[in-house]
Amino acid sequence: MGEKDDLNCIVIHARDNVAVARVDIEAGGAVRPRPGESFPALERIPCGHKVALVGIGMGEPVCKYGEIIGYATVDIAPGALVHTHNLKGDEP
């Protein structure tokens, strides 16, 4: 198996600050979005959901597909689930 086979997240665009989980990632499990990159999941990330790749400050844009999909409603740490509890779709 190659390094890409070990990746459990998909980074869709180079500008993205979130990735999409390819499998369920348990809290404390390794988030592996790119070859040679790994950090712990702060909470359970269900398959198909977004995980923060970097710290995203309250009010900062959340990028997926290389586009802004919403804004953080609280500070979001790397490895945290990004969903409706901490993301809103319109401007801050």
C-alpha atoms as a PDB file:
ATOM      1  CA  MET A   1       0.000   0.000   0.000  1.00  0.00           C
ATOM      2  CA  GLY A   2       1.207   3.498  -0.801  1.00  0.00           C
ATOM      3  CA  GLU A   3       1.140   6.586   1.415  1.00  0.00           C
ATOM      4  CA  LYS A   4      -2.088   7.801  -0.212  1.00  0.00           C
ATOM      5  CA  ASP A   5      -3.811   4.602   0.944  1.00  0.00           C
ATOM      6  CA  ASP A   6      -3.128   5.652   4.552  1.00  0.00           C
ATOM      7  CA  LEU A   7      -4.932   8.984   4.189  1.00  0.00           C
ATOM      8  CA  ASN A   8      -8.241   9.049   6.035  1.00  0.00           C
ATOM      9  CA  CYS A   9      -9.311  12.516   4.866  1.00  0.00           C
ATOM     10  CA  ILE A  10      -9.625  14.263   1.538  1.00  0.00           C
ATOM     11  CA  VAL A  11      -8.312  17.791   1.034  1.00  0.00           C
ATOM     12  CA  ILE A  12     -10.256  18.977  -1.987  1.00  0.00           C
ATOM     13  CA  HIS A  13      -8.365  22.204  -2.773  1.00  0.00           C
ATOM     14  CA  ALA A  14      -5.013  23.655  -1.700  1.00  0.00           C
ATOM     15  CA  ARG A  15      -6.781  26.704  -0.133  1.00  0.00           C
ATOM     16  CA  ASP A  16      -9.051  24.554   2.049  1.00  0.00           C
ATOM     17  CA  ASN A  17      -8.719  24.783   5.829  1.00  0.00           C
ATOM     18  CA  VAL A  18     -10.951  21.726   6.305  1.00  0.00           C
ATOM     19  CA  ALA A  19     -10.792  18.175   4.967  1.00  0.00           C
ATOM     20  CA  VAL A  20     -13.525  15.574   4.543  1.00  0.00           C
ATOM     21  CA  ALA A  21     -13.241  12.346   6.548  1.00  0.00           C
ATOM     22  CA  ARG A  22     -13.145   9.224   4.318  1.00  0.00           C
ATOM     23  CA  VAL A  23     -13.926   7.004   7.328  1.00  0.00           C
ATOM     24  CA  ASP A  24     -15.099   7.522  10.891  1.00  0.00           C
ATOM     25  CA  ILE A  25     -12.214   8.934  12.936  1.00  0.00           C
ATOM     26  CA  GLU A  26     -12.512   8.363  16.663  1.00  0.00           C
ATOM     27  CA  ALA A  27     -11.571  11.043  19.213  1.00  0.00           C
ATOM     28  CA  GLY A  28      -7.829  10.856  19.753  1.00  0.00           C
ATOM     29  CA  GLY A  29      -7.338   8.977  16.490  1.00  0.00           C
ATOM     30  CA  ALA A  30      -4.953  10.230  13.843  1.00  0.00           C
ATOM     31  CA  VAL A  31      -6.228  12.658  11.216  1.00  0.00           C
ATOM     32  CA  ARG A  32      -4.108  11.983   8.107  1.00  0.00           C
ATOM     33  CA  PRO A  33      -5.016  14.491   5.370  1.00  0.00           C
ATOM     34  CA  ARG A  34      -1.726  14.477   3.410  1.00  0.00           C
ATOM     35  CA  PRO A  35       1.281  12.162   3.144  1.00  0.00           C
ATOM     36  CA  GLY A  36       3.532  12.680   6.176  1.00  0.00           C
ATOM     37  CA  GLU A  37       0.941  14.816   8.015  1.00  0.00           C
ATOM     38  CA  SER A  38      -0.891  13.546  11.085  1.00  0.00           C
ATOM     39  CA  PHE A  39      -2.532  15.139  14.117  1.00  0.00           C
ATOM     40  CA  PRO A  40      -5.112  13.956  16.682  1.00  0.00           C
ATOM     41  CA  ALA A  41      -8.855  14.262  16.228  1.00  0.00           C
ATOM     42  CA  LEU A  42     -10.215  16.266  19.148  1.00  0.00           C
ATOM     43  CA  GLU A  43     -13.586  14.567  18.884  1.00  0.00           C
ATOM     44  CA  ARG A  44     -15.234  11.904  16.761  1.00  0.00           C
ATOM     45  CA  ILE A  45     -15.320  12.894  13.093  1.00  0.00           C
ATOM     46  CA  PRO A  46     -18.006  10.912  11.229  1.00  0.00           C
ATOM     47  CA  CYS A  47     -17.319   9.744   7.693  1.00  0.00           C
ATOM     48  CA  GLY A  48     -18.250  12.492   5.221  1.00  0.00           C
ATOM     49  CA  HIS A  49     -17.929  15.299   7.769  1.00  0.00           C
ATOM     50  CA  LYS A  50     -15.423  18.130   7.880  1.00  0.00           C
ATOM     51  CA  VAL A  51     -12.385  18.295  10.153  1.00  0.00           C
ATOM     52  CA  ALA A  52     -10.326  21.447  10.729  1.00  0.00           C
ATOM     53  CA  LEU A  53      -6.812  21.239   9.299  1.00  0.00           C
ATOM     54  CA  VAL A  54      -5.601  24.387  11.058  1.00  0.00           C
ATOM     55  CA  GLY A  55      -6.852  26.701  13.763  1.00  0.00           C
ATOM     56  CA  ILE A  56      -9.762  28.804  12.490  1.00  0.00           C
ATOM     57  CA  GLY A  57     -10.562  31.856  14.590  1.00  0.00           C
ATOM     58  CA  MET A  58     -14.085  33.011  15.398  1.00  0.00           C
ATOM     59  CA  GLY A  59     -15.404  34.990  12.431  1.00  0.00           C
ATOM     60  CA  GLU A  60     -12.783  33.630  10.042  1.00  0.00           C
ATOM     61  CA  PRO A  61     -13.823  31.952   6.792  1.00  0.00           C
ATOM     62  CA  VAL A  62     -14.072  28.183   6.474  1.00  0.00           C
ATOM     63  CA  CYS A  63     -12.869  27.088   3.037  1.00  0.00           C
ATOM     64  CA  LYS A  64     -13.832  23.917   1.183  1.00  0.00           C
ATOM     65  CA  TYR A  65     -13.568  23.392  -2.592  1.00  0.00           C
ATOM     66  CA  GLY A  66     -11.247  26.432  -2.534  1.00  0.00           C
ATOM     67  CA  GLU A  67     -14.285  28.596  -1.689  1.00  0.00           C
ATOM     68  CA  ILE A  68     -15.677  30.140   1.479  1.00  0.00           C
ATOM     69  CA  ILE A  69     -18.540  27.937   2.677  1.00  0.00           C
ATOM     70  CA  GLY A  70     -19.205  29.834   5.901  1.00  0.00           C
ATOM     71  CA  TYR A  71     -17.641  31.450   8.946  1.00  0.00           C
ATOM     72  CA  ALA A  72     -16.540  30.054  12.284  1.00  0.00           C
ATOM     73  CA  THR A  73     -18.921  30.978  15.099  1.00  0.00           C
ATOM     74  CA  VAL A  74     -16.274  30.059  17.718  1.00  0.00           C
ATOM     75  CA  ASP A  75     -12.548  29.359  17.638  1.00  0.00           C
ATOM     76  CA  ILE A  76     -12.021  25.971  15.977  1.00  0.00           C
ATOM     77  CA  ALA A  77      -8.867  23.998  16.773  1.00  0.00           C
ATOM     78  CA  PRO A  78      -7.071  21.686  14.345  1.00  0.00           C
ATOM     79  CA  GLY A  79      -8.655  18.228  14.597  1.00  0.00           C
ATOM     80  CA  ALA A  80     -12.102  19.526  15.573  1.00  0.00           C
ATOM     81  CA  LEU A  81     -15.337  18.615  13.809  1.00  0.00           C
ATOM     82  CA  VAL A  82     -16.601  21.499  11.661  1.00  0.00           C
ATOM     83  CA  HIS A  83     -20.382  21.436  11.384  1.00  0.00           C
ATOM     84  CA  THR A  84     -23.460  23.536  12.155  1.00  0.00           C
ATOM     85  CA  HIS A  85     -22.527  23.880  15.841  1.00  0.00           C
ATOM     86  CA  ASN A  86     -19.462  25.994  14.958  1.00  0.00           C
ATOM     87  CA  LEU A  87     -20.090  27.185  11.385  1.00  0.00           C
ATOM     88  CA  LYS A  88     -22.643  29.530   9.868  1.00  0.00           C
ATOM     89  CA  GLY A  89     -23.233  30.113   6.204  1.00  0.00           C
ATOM     90  CA  ASP A  90     -23.566  33.873   6.036  1.00  0.00           C
ATOM     91  CA  GLU A  91     -21.060  36.585   6.878  1.00  0.00           C
ATOM     92  CA  PRO A  92     -19.986  37.033  10.493  1.00  0.00           C
END
